[in-house]
Amino acid sequence: MGKKIGVIGSGFAGLSAACHLAKAGNEVIVLEKNSTPGGRARQLKMSGFTFDMGPSWYWMPDVFERFFEHFQKTPSDYYELQRLDPSYRVRFEKESIDLPASMAEMEALFEKIEPESSLALRKFLKQAAFKYEVGINDLVYKPSRSLMEFADRRLLTGLLKMDVLTSMSKHIRKFFKNEKLIQLMEFPVLFLGSTPENTPALYSLMNYADIQLGTWYPKGGMFRVVEGMVTLAESLGVKFHYDEAVTSVNIAGKNITHLVTSKGSHAVDIVVGGADYHHLDQHILPEGYRNYSPKYWDTRTMAPSSLLFYIGVDQPLPNMKHHVLFFDEDFKQHAHEIYNDPKWPSKPLLYTSVTSKTDDTVAPAGHENLVILIPVAPDLEDTEAIREKYFQLAMDRLEAFTGTNIRDHIVVKKSYAHNDFVADYHSYKGNAYGLANTLLQTAILKPAMKSKKLTNLYFTGQLTVPGPGVPPSIISGEVVAREIAKDFK
């Protein structure tokens, strides 16, 4: 006989957990505070324009394939994938470089920038492929509840080759000397919410994902993946309750018996917290049942927040690609103003996404849907005046880059930053990506997946193992479902 399981939150981790738990024969409900699913991966529609509000990179396609395979499905049952070529464009101070999908073209590009670097790239990626194989298949699918999980000969032998104690910054510089190549190789680490100096070189596996597995796009946007997972969950019997925020819990002994929401209460045998871990731990659970103290949370290194602009433009945008990274300002200074001396950045790097370059369904004909993202420190003052200042700064740079007047052609515009992350997702300190993947916040050093005080409460998502990002969140949902199966068999 299956259990009654309440999943709080319908982000990627919550959806993944709900599917796996329902497949195992449990009665699963998902309680979502917002009116649509997806959490940070929600969709915004305005006047014929469609925007992905959060994640916009489809990396590690094998993780999505593995997820759907569990249910005898494939991604193509739910959405159409296209590999981007070029994968993305990088704007440096005086030139732009397109990163090609073809490995031969990538090697030629490296060789042109730094002689003999194509051989270094091959060697670098060979190591990165090994880390991906061991890291993704062995390490990240572990619940990190005990050190003994890692007492496996293949894993221990592998760990010696994983460069866990070397930083990405040092590791990359062993292979490449040219500053542009170094920045290109350091870029994927930004997805992990930390600087290359503070991120273990284990994460060069991200370069393997970037260069060899490729950058993909689900037609219609990343929200298509959310819709696919919801459709799958519903076919497995999962019931979704939208606009229903969990406000408190009823506890008997060491068990949560009911999830109390804005609309009533739900009897449960097991709870999976896929909403913001800090919010559940500090604001939903009574004091005696919390995993951590306020001081513990305050001393965590959080990943950045983001200032985002969703903009509809009534003309084409020359020079723009599906993804463009603007490395035309000092990378180190911007990182310093996120992590070491948190403040609004003086000269920020930018990221832009224009999915209408690839997809004619996301904007009216002859129009473009432009998303601008500026990574910023969490927990900053967030006002309309500050947002507008950075909007004008971004526009100056983009108008120079495209050689066109964008401001006069804006037909829709919405900004999004710290206050919105807090209001919409109860995001701790308004962070966008969860915990930074530093060495001291890896595996068993992350907030625990299982409650220490309650026998039927588990956590999933970007603040627990394996960490931030879409593929890790999907993996997190599978791992928590497996732990529940073991504990309640």
Protein backbone atom coordinates (compact mmCIF):
# COMPACT_ATOMS: atom_id res chain seq x y z
CA MET A 1 0.00 0.00 0.00
CA GLY A 2 1.46 3.37 -1.03
CA LYS A 3 1.87 6.39 1.23
CA LYS A 4 0.19 9.79 1.05
CA ILE A 5 3.00 12.15 0.11
CA GLY A 6 2.85 15.94 0.03
CA VAL A 7 5.43 17.69 -2.17
CA ILE A 8 5.88 21.40 -1.42
CA GLY A 9 6.79 23.34 -4.57
CA SER A 10 6.63 22.49 -8.28
CA GLY A 11 10.13 23.46 -9.44
CA PHE A 12 12.25 20.91 -11.28
CA ALA A 13 13.19 19.05 -8.07
CA GLY A 14 9.60 18.88 -6.81
CA LEU A 15 8.31 17.69 -10.19
CA SER A 16 11.04 15.04 -10.46
CA ALA A 17 10.36 13.78 -6.92
CA ALA A 18 6.58 13.71 -7.54
CA CYS A 19 6.99 11.60 -10.71
CA HIS A 20 9.33 9.07 -9.08
CA LEU A 21 7.20 8.80 -5.93
CA ALA A 22 3.97 8.33 -7.91
CA LYS A 23 5.58 5.67 -10.10
CA ALA A 24 6.46 3.77 -6.89
CA GLY A 25 2.74 3.54 -6.10
CA ASN A 26 2.29 6.47 -3.71
CA GLU A 27 -0.57 8.96 -3.64
CA VAL A 28 1.18 12.26 -4.39
CA ILE A 29 -0.07 15.85 -4.16
CA VAL A 30 1.99 18.90 -5.14
CA LEU A 31 1.27 22.16 -3.31
CA GLU A 32 2.42 25.24 -5.23
CA LYS A 33 2.14 28.82 -3.92
CA ASN A 34 2.10 30.35 -7.43
CA SER A 35 -0.64 29.99 -10.04
CA THR A 36 1.55 28.00 -12.47
CA PRO A 37 4.17 25.25 -12.07
CA GLY A 38 7.93 25.51 -12.58
CA GLY A 39 9.17 27.58 -9.65
CA ARG A 40 12.02 29.73 -10.93
CA ALA A 41 11.49 28.18 -14.38
CA ARG A 42 8.07 29.78 -14.83
CA GLN A 43 7.00 31.42 -18.05
CA LEU A 44 6.03 35.04 -18.66
CA LYS A 45 3.68 35.98 -21.51
CA MET A 46 3.10 39.62 -22.47
CA SER A 47 1.46 41.02 -25.63
CA GLY A 48 2.46 38.12 -27.87
CA PHE A 49 5.95 37.70 -26.37
CA THR A 50 6.99 34.59 -24.41
CA PHE A 51 9.88 34.65 -21.93
CA ASP A 52 11.50 31.98 -19.77
CA MET A 53 11.69 33.74 -16.41
CA GLY A 54 14.60 31.71 -15.06
CA PRO A 55 16.79 28.95 -16.51
CA SER A 56 17.50 29.45 -20.22
CA TRP A 57 20.36 26.97 -20.85
CA TYR A 58 19.59 23.34 -21.72
CA TRP A 59 22.82 21.54 -20.83
CA MET A 60 23.53 17.89 -19.91
CA PRO A 61 20.86 16.39 -22.21
CA ASP A 62 21.72 12.92 -20.86
CA VAL A 63 20.24 13.89 -17.45
CA PHE A 64 16.89 14.78 -19.05
CA GLU A 65 16.98 11.57 -21.11
CA ARG A 66 17.71 9.48 -18.00
CA PHE A 67 14.81 11.13 -16.15
CA PHE A 68 12.23 10.36 -18.85
CA GLU A 69 13.66 6.86 -19.43
CA HIS A 70 12.56 5.91 -15.89
CA PHE A 71 9.00 6.20 -17.17
CA GLN A 72 9.59 4.57 -20.59
CA LYS A 73 9.45 8.01 -22.20
CA THR A 74 11.88 10.27 -24.07
CA PRO A 75 12.19 14.09 -24.10
CA SER A 76 10.84 14.05 -27.68
CA ASP A 77 7.52 12.73 -26.34
CA TYR A 78 7.07 16.18 -24.74
CA TYR A 79 9.19 18.76 -26.59
CA GLU A 80 11.34 19.26 -29.67
CA LEU A 81 15.08 19.81 -29.08
CA GLN A 82 17.49 21.70 -31.31
CA ARG A 83 21.26 21.92 -30.84
CA LEU A 84 22.42 25.53 -31.09
CA ASP A 85 25.28 26.34 -33.46
CA PRO A 86 27.03 28.48 -32.46
CA SER A 87 26.39 27.42 -28.88
CA TYR A 88 26.73 31.06 -27.80
CA ARG A 89 28.55 34.29 -28.62
CA VAL A 90 31.03 35.96 -26.26
CA ARG A 91 31.62 39.70 -26.47
CA PHE A 92 35.06 40.80 -25.31
CA GLU A 93 36.19 44.42 -25.16
CA LYS A 94 37.14 44.65 -28.83
CA GLU A 95 35.82 41.51 -30.53
CA SER A 96 33.11 38.85 -30.46
CA ILE A 97 33.81 35.11 -30.59
CA ASP A 98 31.24 32.45 -31.52
CA LEU A 99 31.66 29.07 -29.83
CA PRO A 100 30.96 26.43 -32.53
CA ALA A 101 29.09 23.17 -31.90
CA SER A 102 31.63 21.15 -33.93
CA MET A 103 34.66 19.88 -31.98
CA ALA A 104 36.94 20.29 -35.03
CA GLU A 105 35.87 23.93 -35.39
CA MET A 106 36.33 24.48 -31.64
CA GLU A 107 39.90 23.16 -31.82
CA ALA A 108 40.62 25.41 -34.81
CA LEU A 109 39.24 28.40 -32.89
CA PHE A 110 41.47 27.66 -29.86
CA GLU A 111 44.50 27.19 -32.13
CA LYS A 112 43.86 30.57 -33.75
CA ILE A 113 43.71 32.31 -30.35
CA GLU A 114 46.65 30.43 -28.77
CA PRO A 115 49.01 28.21 -30.82
CA GLU A 116 49.11 24.54 -29.62
CA SER A 117 46.09 25.11 -27.36
CA SER A 118 43.98 22.61 -29.35
CA LEU A 119 46.13 19.79 -27.89
CA ALA A 120 45.73 21.29 -24.42
CA LEU A 121 41.96 21.43 -25.00
CA ARG A 122 41.88 17.72 -25.92
CA LYS A 123 43.81 16.79 -22.78
CA PHE A 124 41.66 19.08 -20.62
CA LEU A 125 38.43 17.61 -22.01
CA LYS A 126 39.66 14.03 -21.59
CA GLN A 127 40.06 14.70 -17.85
CA ALA A 128 36.75 16.57 -17.79
CA ALA A 129 34.99 13.60 -19.46
CA PHE A 130 36.28 11.30 -16.70
CA LYS A 131 35.03 13.74 -14.04
CA TYR A 132 31.65 13.91 -15.78
CA GLU A 133 31.40 10.11 -15.89
CA VAL A 134 32.31 9.64 -12.21
CA GLY A 135 30.83 12.92 -10.99
CA ILE A 136 27.45 12.68 -12.67
CA ASN A 137 26.96 8.91 -12.54
CA ASP A 138 28.47 8.18 -9.13
CA LEU A 139 28.77 11.30 -6.99
CA VAL A 140 25.70 13.40 -7.68
CA TYR A 141 23.22 10.54 -7.40
CA LYS A 142 24.32 9.97 -3.78
CA PRO A 143 22.10 11.38 -1.00
CA SER A 144 25.18 12.46 1.05
CA ARG A 145 23.66 11.27 4.31
CA SER A 146 26.85 9.48 5.40
CA LEU A 147 30.56 9.44 4.54
CA MET A 148 30.27 5.66 4.07
CA GLU A 149 28.39 6.27 0.80
CA PHE A 150 31.74 7.32 -0.66
CA ALA A 151 33.65 4.25 0.61
CA ASP A 152 33.59 2.58 -2.76
CA ARG A 153 36.86 1.56 -4.43
CA ARG A 154 35.99 2.90 -7.90
CA LEU A 155 34.83 6.17 -6.34
CA LEU A 156 37.82 6.55 -4.01
CA THR A 157 40.24 5.81 -6.86
CA GLY A 158 38.27 8.25 -9.00
CA LEU A 159 38.33 10.96 -6.32
CA LEU A 160 42.13 11.11 -6.54
CA LYS A 161 41.76 12.11 -10.20
CA MET A 162 38.87 14.48 -9.57
CA ASP A 163 40.91 17.54 -8.50
CA VAL A 164 38.59 18.17 -5.57
CA LEU A 165 41.26 20.14 -3.68
CA THR A 166 42.46 22.25 -6.64
CA SER A 167 40.53 25.34 -7.74
CA MET A 168 39.10 25.72 -11.24
CA SER A 169 41.16 28.88 -11.63
CA LYS A 170 44.49 27.05 -11.05
CA HIS A 171 43.41 23.98 -13.03
CA ILE A 172 42.50 25.96 -16.18
CA ARG A 173 45.75 27.93 -16.04
CA LYS A 174 47.75 24.70 -16.19
CA PHE A 175 46.39 24.23 -19.72
CA PHE A 176 45.86 27.71 -21.16
CA LYS A 177 47.75 31.01 -21.06
CA ASN A 178 45.58 33.29 -23.20
CA GLU A 179 43.24 35.39 -21.06
CA LYS A 180 40.31 35.03 -23.51
CA LEU A 181 40.56 31.22 -23.46
CA ILE A 182 40.81 31.27 -19.66
CA GLN A 183 37.62 33.33 -19.45
CA LEU A 184 35.84 31.02 -21.91
CA MET A 185 36.80 27.99 -19.81
CA GLU A 186 35.89 29.68 -16.52
CA PHE A 187 32.47 30.81 -17.74
CA PRO A 188 30.49 27.56 -17.02
CA VAL A 189 31.48 27.82 -13.33
CA LEU A 190 29.26 30.90 -13.06
CA PHE A 191 26.28 28.48 -13.23
CA LEU A 192 27.52 27.00 -9.94
CA GLY A 193 27.26 30.27 -8.06
CA SER A 194 30.88 30.84 -7.11
CA THR A 195 34.16 32.24 -8.42
CA PRO A 196 36.64 30.01 -10.29
CA GLU A 197 39.08 30.60 -7.39
CA ASN A 198 36.62 29.07 -4.90
CA THR A 199 35.16 26.29 -7.05
CA PRO A 200 36.79 22.81 -6.97
CA ALA A 201 38.37 21.77 -10.29
CA LEU A 202 36.06 18.75 -10.17
CA TYR A 203 33.62 21.09 -11.92
CA SER A 204 35.63 21.15 -15.15
CA LEU A 205 32.99 18.49 -15.88
CA MET A 206 30.87 21.55 -16.77
CA ASN A 207 33.28 22.30 -19.64
CA TYR A 208 32.69 18.78 -20.94
CA ALA A 209 28.94 19.44 -20.76
CA ASP A 210 29.38 22.77 -22.54
CA ILE A 211 31.81 21.83 -25.32
CA GLN A 212 31.13 18.14 -26.02
CA LEU A 213 27.51 17.57 -24.97
CA GLY A 214 26.45 20.92 -26.41
CA THR A 215 23.95 23.71 -25.82
CA TRP A 216 20.38 22.78 -26.76
CA TYR A 217 17.03 24.54 -26.94
CA PRO A 218 13.55 23.08 -26.42
CA LYS A 219 11.27 24.77 -28.98
CA GLY A 220 8.88 27.08 -27.16
CA GLY A 221 11.39 27.61 -24.33
CA MET A 222 12.54 25.89 -21.13
CA PHE A 223 8.98 25.99 -19.80
CA ARG A 224 8.22 23.21 -22.31
CA VAL A 225 10.31 20.91 -20.07
CA VAL A 226 8.23 21.95 -17.05
CA GLU A 227 5.01 21.28 -18.99
CA GLY A 228 6.36 17.88 -20.07
CA MET A 229 7.14 16.90 -16.49
CA VAL A 230 3.72 18.09 -15.28
CA THR A 231 1.98 16.09 -18.04
CA LEU A 232 4.01 13.02 -17.06
CA ALA A 233 3.25 13.54 -13.34
CA GLU A 234 -0.49 13.86 -14.01
CA SER A 235 -0.44 10.68 -16.12
CA LEU A 236 1.06 8.94 -13.04
CA GLY A 237 -1.80 10.21 -10.85
CA VAL A 238 -0.13 13.24 -9.22
CA LYS A 239 -2.61 15.96 -8.18
CA PHE A 240 -1.52 19.61 -8.42
CA HIS A 241 -2.86 22.37 -6.15
CA TYR A 242 -1.91 25.85 -7.39
CA ASP A 243 -2.21 29.13 -5.47
CA GLU A 244 -1.90 27.06 -2.31
CA ALA A 245 1.06 28.10 -0.17
CA VAL A 246 2.00 25.91 2.80
CA THR A 247 1.81 28.13 5.89
CA SER A 248 2.45 25.66 8.73
CA VAL A 249 2.52 21.96 9.67
CA ASN A 250 0.77 19.82 12.29
CA ILE A 251 3.13 17.49 14.13
CA ALA A 252 2.43 14.42 16.31
CA GLY A 253 5.48 12.91 18.00
CA LYS A 254 8.19 12.89 15.35
CA ASN A 255 5.89 13.01 12.33
CA ILE A 256 4.24 15.72 10.30
CA THR A 257 0.57 14.70 10.07
CA HIS A 258 -0.89 17.61 8.07
CA LEU A 259 0.33 20.34 5.74
CA VAL A 260 -1.67 23.48 6.50
CA THR A 261 -2.13 25.79 3.51
CA SER A 262 -3.81 29.05 2.65
CA LYS A 263 -6.86 26.99 1.59
CA GLY A 264 -7.12 24.22 4.17
CA SER A 265 -5.11 21.23 5.31
CA HIS A 266 -3.86 17.96 3.79
CA ALA A 267 -3.23 14.75 5.73
CA VAL A 268 0.16 13.25 4.80
CA ASP A 269 2.36 10.28 5.68
CA ILE A 270 5.53 11.82 4.18
CA VAL A 271 6.56 15.36 3.19
CA VAL A 272 9.08 16.43 0.53
CA GLY A 273 10.12 20.07 0.77
CA GLY A 274 10.94 21.28 -2.72
CA ALA A 275 10.37 24.95 -1.83
CA ASP A 276 13.16 27.17 -0.46
CA TYR A 277 14.91 25.05 2.23
CA HIS A 278 15.67 28.04 4.47
CA HIS A 279 12.03 29.17 4.37
CA LEU A 280 10.71 25.71 5.25
CA ASP A 281 13.34 25.21 7.96
CA GLN A 282 13.06 28.64 9.60
CA HIS A 283 9.49 29.80 8.92
CA ILE A 284 7.26 26.73 8.42
CA LEU A 285 8.68 24.31 11.00
CA PRO A 286 8.21 25.12 14.72
CA GLU A 287 11.48 26.07 16.44
CA GLY A 288 12.16 22.72 18.12
CA TYR A 289 11.94 20.86 14.80
CA ARG A 290 14.34 22.92 12.70
CA ASN A 291 17.47 21.37 11.18
CA TYR A 292 19.61 24.49 11.53
CA SER A 293 20.03 27.70 13.51
CA PRO A 294 19.64 31.23 12.06
CA LYS A 295 23.43 31.60 12.49
CA TYR A 296 24.05 28.49 10.36
CA TRP A 297 22.01 29.94 7.53
CA ASP A 298 23.56 33.39 7.84
CA THR A 299 27.07 31.94 7.46
CA ARG A 300 26.29 30.00 4.26
CA THR A 301 27.88 31.30 1.05
CA MET A 302 24.93 32.01 -1.19
CA ALA A 303 25.02 31.96 -4.98
CA PRO A 304 24.31 35.29 -6.65
CA SER A 305 20.97 36.91 -7.19
CA SER A 306 20.05 38.40 -10.57
CA LEU A 307 18.64 41.59 -11.94
CA LEU A 308 16.57 40.57 -14.97
CA PHE A 309 14.78 42.51 -17.66
CA TYR A 310 12.20 40.91 -19.97
CA ILE A 311 11.87 43.15 -23.03
CA GLY A 312 9.79 42.91 -26.22
CA VAL A 313 11.24 44.88 -29.14
CA ASP A 314 9.38 45.70 -32.38
CA GLN A 315 12.43 45.35 -34.66
CA PRO A 316 15.24 42.84 -35.29
CA LEU A 317 18.35 43.08 -33.09
CA PRO A 318 21.50 42.86 -35.28
CA ASN A 319 24.60 41.10 -33.89
CA MET A 320 22.61 39.31 -31.18
CA LYS A 321 22.57 35.51 -30.97
CA HIS A 322 20.33 33.16 -28.97
CA HIS A 323 22.85 33.48 -26.07
CA VAL A 324 25.42 36.29 -25.72
CA LEU A 325 27.86 36.68 -22.81
CA PHE A 326 29.25 40.17 -22.37
CA PHE A 327 32.77 39.84 -20.97
CA ASP A 328 33.59 43.39 -22.03
CA GLU A 329 34.18 44.54 -18.45
CA ASP A 330 36.54 43.28 -15.72
CA PHE A 331 35.42 39.76 -14.73
CA LYS A 332 37.42 39.82 -11.45
CA GLN A 333 36.03 43.16 -10.33
CA HIS A 334 32.43 42.07 -10.93
CA ALA A 335 33.06 38.78 -9.05
CA HIS A 336 34.68 40.73 -6.16
CA GLU A 337 31.54 42.89 -5.91
CA ILE A 338 29.37 39.78 -5.71
CA TYR A 339 31.34 37.62 -3.27
CA ASN A 340 34.00 39.58 -1.36
CA ASP A 341 32.58 43.09 -1.07
CA PRO A 342 28.85 42.64 -1.79
CA LYS A 343 27.39 45.72 -3.51
CA TRP A 344 25.70 46.73 -6.72
CA PRO A 345 28.42 46.25 -9.37
CA SER A 346 30.27 49.27 -10.75
CA LYS A 347 30.86 47.76 -14.21
CA PRO A 348 28.79 44.58 -14.52
CA LEU A 349 29.11 41.73 -16.96
CA LEU A 350 25.84 40.95 -18.76
CA TYR A 351 24.16 37.89 -20.22
CA THR A 352 21.44 38.18 -22.86
CA SER A 353 19.06 35.64 -24.31
CA VAL A 354 17.07 36.26 -27.50
CA THR A 355 15.25 32.99 -28.14
CA SER A 356 13.36 34.58 -31.06
CA LYS A 357 16.65 34.21 -33.00
CA THR A 358 15.96 30.44 -32.96
CA ASP A 359 12.22 30.19 -32.42
CA ASP A 360 9.51 32.11 -34.32
CA THR A 361 6.80 31.13 -31.80
CA VAL A 362 8.07 33.33 -28.94
CA ALA A 363 7.62 36.81 -30.46
CA PRO A 364 5.40 38.41 -33.13
CA ALA A 365 6.84 38.44 -36.67
CA GLY A 366 9.69 40.95 -37.06
CA HIS A 367 9.94 41.33 -33.26
CA GLU A 368 12.50 40.02 -30.72
CA ASN A 369 12.16 38.83 -27.12
CA LEU A 370 15.21 40.07 -25.22
CA VAL A 371 16.13 38.90 -21.72
CA ILE A 372 18.97 40.70 -19.94
CA LEU A 373 20.54 39.18 -16.81
CA ILE A 374 23.04 40.91 -14.52
CA PRO A 375 24.46 38.65 -11.76
CA VAL A 376 24.50 40.55 -8.45
CA ALA A 377 25.20 39.81 -4.79
CA PRO A 378 22.25 38.51 -2.74
CA ASP A 379 20.73 40.58 0.08
CA LEU A 380 21.15 44.02 -1.56
CA GLU A 381 18.78 46.97 -1.39
CA ASP A 382 16.42 46.58 -4.36
CA THR A 383 14.59 49.72 -5.55
CA GLU A 384 13.01 50.84 -8.83
CA ALA A 385 15.60 53.62 -9.10
CA ILE A 386 18.49 51.12 -8.85
CA ARG A 387 16.87 48.82 -11.41
CA GLU A 388 16.36 51.72 -13.83
CA LYS A 389 19.98 52.83 -13.44
CA TYR A 390 21.19 49.36 -14.49
CA PHE A 391 18.63 49.15 -17.27
CA GLN A 392 20.02 52.34 -18.83
CA LEU A 393 23.59 51.07 -18.36
CA ALA A 394 22.69 47.77 -20.10
CA MET A 395 20.91 49.64 -22.90
CA ASP A 396 23.98 51.82 -23.55
CA ARG A 397 26.09 48.69 -24.02
CA LEU A 398 23.51 46.80 -26.11
CA GLU A 399 22.76 49.74 -28.40
CA ALA A 400 26.49 50.14 -29.04
CA PHE A 401 26.78 46.38 -29.68
CA THR A 402 23.79 46.11 -32.03
CA GLY A 403 24.35 49.50 -33.69
CA THR A 404 20.65 50.23 -33.35
CA ASN A 405 18.31 52.28 -31.16
CA ILE A 406 16.59 49.72 -28.90
CA ARG A 407 14.97 52.05 -26.32
CA ASP A 408 12.55 53.62 -28.81
CA HIS A 409 11.41 50.19 -30.04
CA ILE A 410 10.51 48.63 -26.68
CA VAL A 411 6.86 47.56 -26.60
CA VAL A 412 6.87 45.55 -23.35
CA LYS A 413 9.26 45.65 -20.39
CA LYS A 414 9.35 43.99 -16.97
CA SER A 415 12.14 43.95 -14.39
CA TYR A 416 12.78 41.26 -11.78
CA ALA A 417 15.24 41.19 -8.84
CA HIS A 418 15.74 40.41 -5.12
CA ASN A 419 12.31 41.55 -3.89
CA ASP A 420 10.58 39.42 -6.53
CA PHE A 421 12.67 36.33 -5.73
CA VAL A 422 11.64 36.73 -2.07
CA ALA A 423 7.96 37.39 -2.85
CA ASP A 424 7.54 34.63 -5.45
CA TYR A 425 9.81 31.87 -4.07
CA HIS A 426 10.57 32.82 -0.42
CA SER A 427 14.14 32.94 -1.71
CA TYR A 428 16.69 33.32 1.11
CA LYS A 429 18.33 36.76 0.82
CA GLY A 430 16.74 37.03 -2.63
CA ASN A 431 19.29 34.61 -4.13
CA ALA A 432 18.59 33.23 -7.62
CA TYR A 433 20.65 30.01 -7.71
CA GLY A 434 20.78 28.51 -4.20
CA LEU A 435 24.02 27.76 -2.38
CA ALA A 436 27.39 28.43 -3.95
CA ASN A 437 29.20 25.20 -4.88
CA THR A 438 32.30 25.85 -2.78
CA LEU A 439 34.43 23.01 -1.36
CA LEU A 440 32.94 23.57 2.12
CA GLN A 441 29.41 23.35 0.70
CA THR A 442 29.79 20.15 -1.34
CA ALA A 443 28.15 16.71 -0.78
CA ILE A 444 27.74 15.96 2.95
CA LEU A 445 28.63 19.59 3.77
CA LYS A 446 25.39 20.83 2.17
CA PRO A 447 22.12 21.19 4.14
CA ALA A 448 20.87 17.65 4.78
CA MET A 449 18.31 15.98 2.53
CA LYS A 450 16.62 14.33 5.54
CA SER A 451 15.26 16.09 8.60
CA LYS A 452 17.24 15.41 11.80
CA LYS A 453 14.16 15.89 14.02
CA LEU A 454 11.23 14.49 12.03
CA THR A 455 11.10 10.96 10.63
CA ASN A 456 8.90 11.77 7.62
CA LEU A 457 10.35 15.07 6.32
CA TYR A 458 12.81 15.29 3.39
CA PHE A 459 14.24 18.16 1.36
CA THR A 460 15.04 18.44 -2.33
CA GLY A 461 16.25 21.16 -4.69
CA GLN A 462 19.03 23.68 -5.13
CA LEU A 463 19.83 24.24 -1.44
CA THR A 464 20.54 20.55 -0.75
CA VAL A 465 22.39 17.83 -2.71
CA PRO A 466 23.58 17.78 -5.40
CA GLY A 467 23.24 21.57 -5.82
CA PRO A 468 22.08 24.42 -8.07
CA GLY A 469 21.08 24.15 -11.73
CA VAL A 470 18.34 22.39 -13.70
CA PRO A 471 20.00 18.95 -14.17
CA PRO A 472 21.12 18.78 -10.48
CA SER A 473 17.58 19.69 -9.37
CA ILE A 474 16.06 16.93 -11.52
CA ILE A 475 18.63 14.52 -10.03
CA SER A 476 17.82 15.78 -6.51
CA GLY A 477 14.17 14.77 -6.97
CA GLU A 478 15.15 11.24 -8.02
CA VAL A 479 17.59 10.86 -5.12
CA VAL A 480 15.06 11.96 -2.48
CA ALA A 481 12.42 9.58 -3.91
CA ARG A 482 14.93 6.72 -3.68
CA GLU A 483 15.75 7.58 -0.05
CA ILE A 484 12.05 7.58 0.84
CA ALA A 485 11.63 4.17 -0.84
CA LYS A 486 14.54 2.82 1.25
CA ASP A 487 13.37 4.35 4.54
CA PHE A 488 9.72 3.31 4.15
CA LYS A 489 10.02 0.00 2.33
